[in-house]
């Protein structure tokens, strides 16, 4: 029931997944939506909206489709849960229902962004505005495992987002997080600047959620503006129709690379003791199907278990 195009996009995504024959789906939602879907389902009597307060949603709407979906993972009836709904509510429900991974104080959001030659993971992308240095170390570990297991990147390069590349740069948070990341056993390459992110200087960008969310929203807006500028300038040319026709293959390739920002808008909620995948609210059926397949891949790769193993070397919680 989540996302800008609910429930039709989710139902269409379910049909696409069924055609692929790889994943067994269990739909969770109101009777009038799921009963005639042709899928196995769990009926819910409540729905989480974008106006619901995350801190209260767990107790105020215990029979919401979002909570019941996550509960299937808790009860062992599903190996992963997926939603395109209210991010804060999903994170709160995940915390209350599944708990945190051992060694994690704050779960994080991650977003995969297209770079010049590949992709990079930004973590945290908005869950934690205020963090402590060891949170960033934990984010780096989880991000590294994710990029290795899901995208096959051996020894992912991890960078700390900062105002300069030299060690000792930045605010107190960055200065204290640097040695923790350096001692974490990761392939930590040091500080990186904002301009290094789209260049693909690293595979994992570690930062606080406030900064990460600003970067994510700025990138999203900039991609839309640049696309609009290109369209406007093409229309100004007399031979625009011919030029557009000749350049269509190139434009389609660029569009596909930028579309990764839509598909890359899906990622697990990092740090939960169970697999919950969140997709961008604007996801269409194809993007949702991508996210569901990503969840299946995460299950196959034992992503949560791998993160537990990697985090065990960092010691206990420091909060």
Protein backbone atom coordinates (compact mmCIF):
# COMPACT_ATOMS: atom_id res chain seq x y z
CA UNK A 1 0.00 0.00 0.00
CA UNK A 2 3.04 2.27 -0.10
CA UNK A 3 4.34 4.59 -2.78
CA UNK A 4 2.96 7.22 -5.11
CA UNK A 5 1.27 4.65 -7.34
CA UNK A 6 -0.14 2.26 -4.74
CA UNK A 7 -1.59 -0.27 -4.90
CA UNK A 8 -1.52 -0.71 -8.68
CA UNK A 9 2.27 -0.49 -9.03
CA UNK A 10 2.80 -3.10 -6.31
CA UNK A 11 0.25 -5.46 -7.83
CA UNK A 12 1.81 -5.09 -11.28
CA UNK A 13 5.27 -5.68 -9.78
CA UNK A 14 3.96 -8.84 -8.15
CA UNK A 15 2.73 -10.08 -11.52
CA UNK A 16 6.10 -9.31 -13.11
CA UNK A 17 7.87 -11.25 -10.35
CA UNK A 18 5.52 -14.20 -10.75
CA UNK A 19 6.29 -14.35 -14.47
CA UNK A 20 10.00 -14.56 -13.65
CA UNK A 21 9.33 -17.54 -11.39
CA UNK A 22 12.18 -16.80 -9.02
CA UNK A 23 10.48 -15.47 -5.90
CA UNK A 24 7.43 -16.61 -3.96
CA UNK A 25 5.38 -13.60 -2.87
CA UNK A 26 3.05 -13.06 0.04
CA UNK A 27 0.98 -9.89 -0.34
CA UNK A 28 -0.07 -7.91 2.72
CA UNK A 29 -2.90 -5.39 2.52
CA UNK A 30 -6.62 -4.65 2.88
CA UNK A 31 -9.03 -7.39 1.89
CA UNK A 32 -10.47 -5.46 -1.05
CA UNK A 33 -6.98 -5.13 -2.55
CA UNK A 34 -5.34 -8.49 -1.93
CA UNK A 35 -8.19 -11.01 -1.88
CA UNK A 36 -8.69 -10.99 -5.65
CA UNK A 37 -5.00 -10.65 -6.50
CA UNK A 38 -4.41 -14.34 -7.14
CA UNK A 39 -1.56 -14.41 -4.62
CA UNK A 40 -1.26 -15.80 -1.14
CA UNK A 41 -1.94 -12.93 1.21
CA UNK A 42 -2.17 -11.62 4.75
CA UNK A 43 -5.12 -9.32 5.34
CA UNK A 44 -4.59 -6.05 7.19
CA UNK A 45 -7.18 -3.71 8.64
CA UNK A 46 -4.97 -0.60 8.74
CA UNK A 47 -2.66 1.26 6.36
CA UNK A 48 0.32 3.48 7.16
CA UNK A 49 0.12 6.88 5.48
CA UNK A 50 2.82 9.48 4.84
CA UNK A 51 1.26 11.63 7.57
CA UNK A 52 1.61 9.01 10.30
CA UNK A 53 4.23 9.70 12.98
CA UNK A 54 6.95 7.01 12.93
CA UNK A 55 7.44 7.04 16.71
CA UNK A 56 3.78 6.22 17.32
CA UNK A 57 2.93 4.03 14.37
CA UNK A 58 3.88 0.72 16.00
CA UNK A 59 1.33 1.02 18.76
CA UNK A 60 -1.29 3.18 17.01
CA UNK A 61 -1.63 0.93 13.96
CA UNK A 62 -0.61 -2.58 15.06
CA UNK A 63 -2.61 -4.16 12.22
CA UNK A 64 -1.14 -2.03 9.46
CA UNK A 65 -0.01 -3.79 6.29
CA UNK A 66 3.51 -2.45 6.88
CA UNK A 67 3.83 -3.93 10.37
CA UNK A 68 2.24 -7.24 9.38
CA UNK A 69 4.66 -7.54 6.45
CA UNK A 70 7.68 -7.10 8.73
CA UNK A 71 6.09 -9.47 11.24
CA UNK A 72 6.17 -12.23 8.61
CA UNK A 73 9.97 -11.99 8.71
CA UNK A 74 10.02 -12.01 12.51
CA UNK A 75 7.81 -15.12 12.60
CA UNK A 76 9.83 -16.93 9.94
CA UNK A 77 7.01 -16.94 7.40
CA UNK A 78 9.00 -14.79 4.97
CA UNK A 79 12.71 -14.23 4.41
CA UNK A 80 12.38 -10.55 3.53
CA UNK A 81 9.85 -7.73 3.62
CA UNK A 82 9.45 -5.01 1.01
CA UNK A 83 7.70 -1.64 1.07
CA UNK A 84 7.70 1.66 -0.82
CA UNK A 85 5.83 3.45 1.95
CA UNK A 86 6.69 5.85 4.77
CA UNK A 87 10.43 5.40 5.38
CA UNK A 88 10.43 6.60 8.98
CA UNK A 89 7.50 4.36 9.86
CA UNK A 90 9.11 1.35 8.20
CA UNK A 91 12.34 1.93 10.10
CA UNK A 92 10.49 2.32 13.40
CA UNK A 93 8.43 -0.81 12.78
CA UNK A 94 11.57 -2.71 11.80
CA UNK A 95 13.31 -1.66 15.01
CA UNK A 96 10.39 -2.58 17.26
CA UNK A 97 9.69 -5.85 15.46
CA UNK A 98 13.11 -7.19 14.48
CA UNK A 99 15.54 -5.29 16.69
CA UNK A 100 19.08 -4.27 15.78
CA UNK A 101 22.02 -6.34 14.66
CA UNK A 102 24.48 -7.04 17.47
CA UNK A 103 26.99 -4.19 17.61
CA UNK A 104 24.72 -1.67 15.90
CA UNK A 105 23.42 1.33 17.81
CA UNK A 106 21.66 3.11 14.97
CA UNK A 107 20.25 1.54 11.80
CA UNK A 108 20.98 3.50 8.63
CA UNK A 109 19.51 4.22 5.24
CA UNK A 110 21.56 3.60 2.14
CA UNK A 111 21.22 4.79 -1.43
CA UNK A 112 23.11 3.59 -4.50
CA UNK A 113 24.02 6.34 -6.95
CA UNK A 114 25.31 6.15 -10.52
CA UNK A 115 28.85 7.42 -10.94
CA UNK A 116 31.01 8.10 -13.99
CA UNK A 117 31.89 4.45 -14.45
CA UNK A 118 29.79 2.51 -11.99
CA UNK A 119 27.95 3.00 -8.73
CA UNK A 120 28.54 4.01 -5.13
CA UNK A 121 26.63 3.51 -1.90
CA UNK A 122 25.85 6.52 0.30
CA UNK A 123 25.33 5.59 3.96
CA UNK A 124 23.70 7.10 6.01
CA UNK A 125 21.24 8.67 3.58
CA UNK A 126 18.86 10.12 6.13
CA UNK A 127 18.10 7.97 9.17
CA UNK A 128 20.42 9.67 11.67
CA UNK A 129 20.89 13.44 11.60
CA UNK A 130 23.12 13.33 14.69
CA UNK A 131 25.68 10.58 14.95
CA UNK A 132 28.71 9.53 16.96
CA UNK A 133 32.07 8.57 15.44
CA UNK A 134 31.64 4.84 16.01
CA UNK A 135 28.27 4.93 14.24
CA UNK A 136 30.16 5.93 11.08
CA UNK A 137 32.50 2.99 11.57
CA UNK A 138 29.50 0.66 11.79
CA UNK A 139 27.96 2.25 8.68
CA UNK A 140 31.20 1.65 6.80
CA UNK A 141 31.26 -2.02 7.73
CA UNK A 142 27.65 -2.61 6.68
CA UNK A 143 28.11 -0.65 3.45
CA UNK A 144 31.22 -2.59 2.53
CA UNK A 145 29.49 -5.94 3.05
CA UNK A 146 26.53 -4.78 0.97
CA UNK A 147 28.59 -3.65 -2.02
CA UNK A 148 30.65 -6.83 -1.90
CA UNK A 149 27.77 -9.29 -1.58
CA UNK A 150 25.16 -7.59 -3.78
CA UNK A 151 27.29 -5.95 -6.47
CA UNK A 152 30.27 -8.28 -6.44
CA UNK A 153 32.85 -5.60 -5.68
CA UNK A 154 35.90 -7.21 -4.11
CA UNK A 155 37.32 -5.21 -1.20
CA UNK A 156 35.06 -2.14 -1.69
CA UNK A 157 36.79 1.22 -1.25
CA UNK A 158 35.33 3.11 1.69
CA UNK A 159 35.65 6.87 2.01
CA UNK A 160 34.68 9.34 4.74
CA UNK A 161 32.86 12.37 3.36
CA UNK A 162 34.69 15.51 4.46
CA UNK A 163 35.58 19.07 3.45
CA UNK A 164 39.09 18.03 2.43
CA UNK A 165 41.08 14.91 1.70
CA UNK A 166 43.86 15.38 4.22
CA UNK A 167 43.72 13.49 7.50
CA UNK A 168 42.79 15.87 10.31
CA UNK A 169 40.36 17.87 8.16
CA UNK A 170 36.75 18.52 9.08
CA UNK A 171 34.71 18.83 12.23
CA UNK A 172 35.19 16.86 15.41
CA UNK A 173 32.96 14.04 14.19
CA UNK A 174 35.05 13.49 11.07
CA UNK A 175 38.34 13.76 12.92
CA UNK A 176 37.28 11.16 15.48
CA UNK A 177 35.68 8.82 12.95
CA UNK A 178 38.76 8.73 10.71
CA UNK A 179 40.99 6.56 12.97
CA UNK A 180 38.05 4.25 13.74
CA UNK A 181 37.48 3.59 10.06
CA UNK A 182 41.21 3.22 9.48
CA UNK A 183 41.38 0.56 12.20
CA UNK A 184 38.23 -1.29 11.11
CA UNK A 185 39.88 -3.69 8.67
CA UNK A 186 38.00 -2.12 5.77
CA UNK A 187 39.59 -0.93 2.55
CA UNK A 188 39.45 2.60 3.92
CA UNK A 189 40.96 5.09 1.49
CA UNK A 190 40.57 8.15 3.70
CA UNK A 191 38.62 11.35 3.31
CA UNK A 192 36.78 12.26 0.13
CA UNK A 193 35.11 15.49 -0.93
CA UNK A 194 31.63 15.98 -2.38
CA UNK A 195 32.97 16.23 -5.93
CA UNK A 196 34.53 12.79 -5.58
CA UNK A 197 31.15 11.10 -5.12
CA UNK A 198 29.87 11.29 -8.75
CA UNK A 199 33.38 10.59 -10.00
CA UNK A 200 33.20 7.19 -8.31
CA UNK A 201 36.30 7.69 -6.19
CA UNK A 202 34.99 5.12 -3.70
CA UNK A 203 32.42 2.35 -3.56
CA UNK A 204 31.02 3.34 -0.14
CA UNK A 205 30.56 6.94 1.02
CA UNK A 206 30.21 7.21 4.80
CA UNK A 207 28.57 10.27 6.35
CA UNK A 208 25.95 11.38 8.87
CA UNK A 209 22.31 11.15 7.81
CA UNK A 210 21.79 14.92 7.64
CA UNK A 211 24.58 15.37 5.12
CA UNK A 212 23.67 12.21 3.25
CA UNK A 213 20.05 13.23 2.83
CA UNK A 214 21.07 16.65 1.49
CA UNK A 215 23.35 14.97 -1.06
CA UNK A 216 20.64 12.52 -2.09
CA UNK A 217 17.99 15.21 -2.56
CA UNK A 218 20.42 17.57 -4.33
CA UNK A 219 21.44 14.81 -6.74
CA UNK A 220 17.81 13.94 -7.43
CA UNK A 221 16.93 17.55 -8.17
CA UNK A 222 20.03 18.18 -10.27
CA UNK A 223 19.34 15.16 -12.47
CA UNK A 224 15.86 16.50 -13.20
CA UNK A 225 17.13 20.01 -13.96
CA UNK A 226 19.86 18.79 -16.32
CA UNK A 227 17.39 16.61 -18.20
CA UNK A 228 15.04 19.57 -18.53
CA UNK A 229 17.82 21.83 -19.81
CA UNK A 230 18.77 19.33 -22.51
CA UNK A 231 15.16 19.09 -23.70
CA UNK A 232 14.76 22.87 -23.77
CA UNK A 233 17.94 23.43 -25.76
CA UNK A 234 17.07 20.73 -28.29
CA UNK A 235 13.69 22.35 -28.95
CA UNK A 236 15.39 25.65 -29.78
CA UNK A 237 17.15 24.17 -32.79
CA UNK A 238 15.45 24.12 -36.18
CA UNK A 239 16.71 20.64 -36.94
CA UNK A 240 15.78 19.40 -33.49
CA UNK A 241 13.48 16.57 -34.65
CA UNK A 242 16.19 15.13 -36.90
CA UNK A 243 18.88 15.61 -34.28
CA UNK A 244 16.75 14.04 -31.60
CA UNK A 245 16.11 11.04 -33.83
CA UNK A 246 19.81 10.56 -34.51
CA UNK A 247 20.73 10.99 -30.87
CA UNK A 248 17.91 8.88 -29.47
CA UNK A 249 20.11 5.80 -28.85
CA UNK A 250 22.59 7.94 -26.90
CA UNK A 251 19.80 9.65 -24.96
CA UNK A 252 18.27 6.28 -24.09
CA UNK A 253 21.61 5.03 -22.78
CA UNK A 254 22.01 8.11 -20.60
CA UNK A 255 18.42 7.75 -19.43
CA UNK A 256 19.10 4.14 -18.45
CA UNK A 257 22.13 5.21 -16.42
CA UNK A 258 20.15 7.95 -14.68
CA UNK A 259 17.26 5.53 -14.13
CA UNK A 260 19.61 3.67 -11.84
CA UNK A 261 18.91 6.51 -9.41
CA UNK A 262 15.30 5.27 -9.35
CA UNK A 263 16.29 1.63 -9.01
CA UNK A 264 19.15 2.61 -6.72
CA UNK A 265 16.56 4.23 -4.48
CA UNK A 266 15.93 0.77 -3.09
CA UNK A 267 18.13 -0.74 -0.42
CA UNK A 268 17.84 -2.71 2.80
CA UNK A 269 17.33 -0.87 6.06
CA UNK A 270 20.89 -1.36 7.27
CA UNK A 271 21.33 -2.58 10.83
CA UNK A 272 18.05 -4.44 11.40
CA UNK A 273 18.20 -8.05 12.59
CA UNK A 274 16.18 -9.16 9.60
CA UNK A 275 15.86 -8.19 5.96
CA UNK A 276 13.60 -5.24 5.12
CA UNK A 277 13.99 -3.56 1.73
CA UNK A 278 12.71 -0.04 1.10
CA UNK A 279 12.01 1.43 -2.34
CA UNK A 280 11.61 5.07 -3.32
CA UNK A 281 8.05 6.32 -3.06
CA UNK A 282 7.95 7.20 -6.75
CA UNK A 283 8.84 3.65 -7.79
CA UNK A 284 6.83 2.21 -10.65
CA UNK A 285 6.18 -1.49 -11.15
CA UNK A 286 9.56 -2.11 -12.81
CA UNK A 287 11.45 -0.39 -9.99
CA UNK A 288 9.50 -2.37 -7.40
CA UNK A 289 10.22 -5.62 -9.20
CA UNK A 290 13.90 -4.67 -9.21
CA UNK A 291 13.75 -4.08 -5.45
CA UNK A 292 12.03 -7.40 -4.80
CA UNK A 293 14.66 -9.23 -6.82
CA UNK A 294 17.32 -7.36 -4.88
CA UNK A 295 15.72 -8.63 -1.67
CA UNK A 296 15.88 -12.17 -3.04
CA UNK A 297 19.54 -11.71 -3.91
CA UNK A 298 20.22 -10.42 -0.40
CA UNK A 299 18.60 -13.56 1.01
CA UNK A 300 20.67 -15.79 -1.26
CA UNK A 301 23.84 -13.95 -0.27
CA UNK A 302 22.97 -14.21 3.44
CA UNK A 303 23.43 -10.46 3.69
CA UNK A 304 22.20 -10.07 7.27
CA UNK A 305 24.35 -12.96 8.49
CA UNK A 306 27.41 -11.59 6.67
CA UNK A 307 26.91 -8.22 8.33
CA UNK A 308 26.68 -9.88 11.73
CA UNK A 309 29.98 -11.63 11.09
CA UNK A 310 31.69 -8.42 9.94
CA UNK A 311 30.35 -6.39 12.86
CA UNK A 312 31.43 -8.94 15.44
CA UNK A 313 35.01 -7.78 15.03
CA UNK A 314 34.22 -4.24 16.13
CA UNK A 315 33.35 -5.10 19.73
CA UNK A 316 30.24 -4.22 21.69
CA UNK A 317 28.06 -1.15 21.61
CA UNK A 318 29.72 2.03 22.85
CA UNK A 319 26.64 4.13 23.52
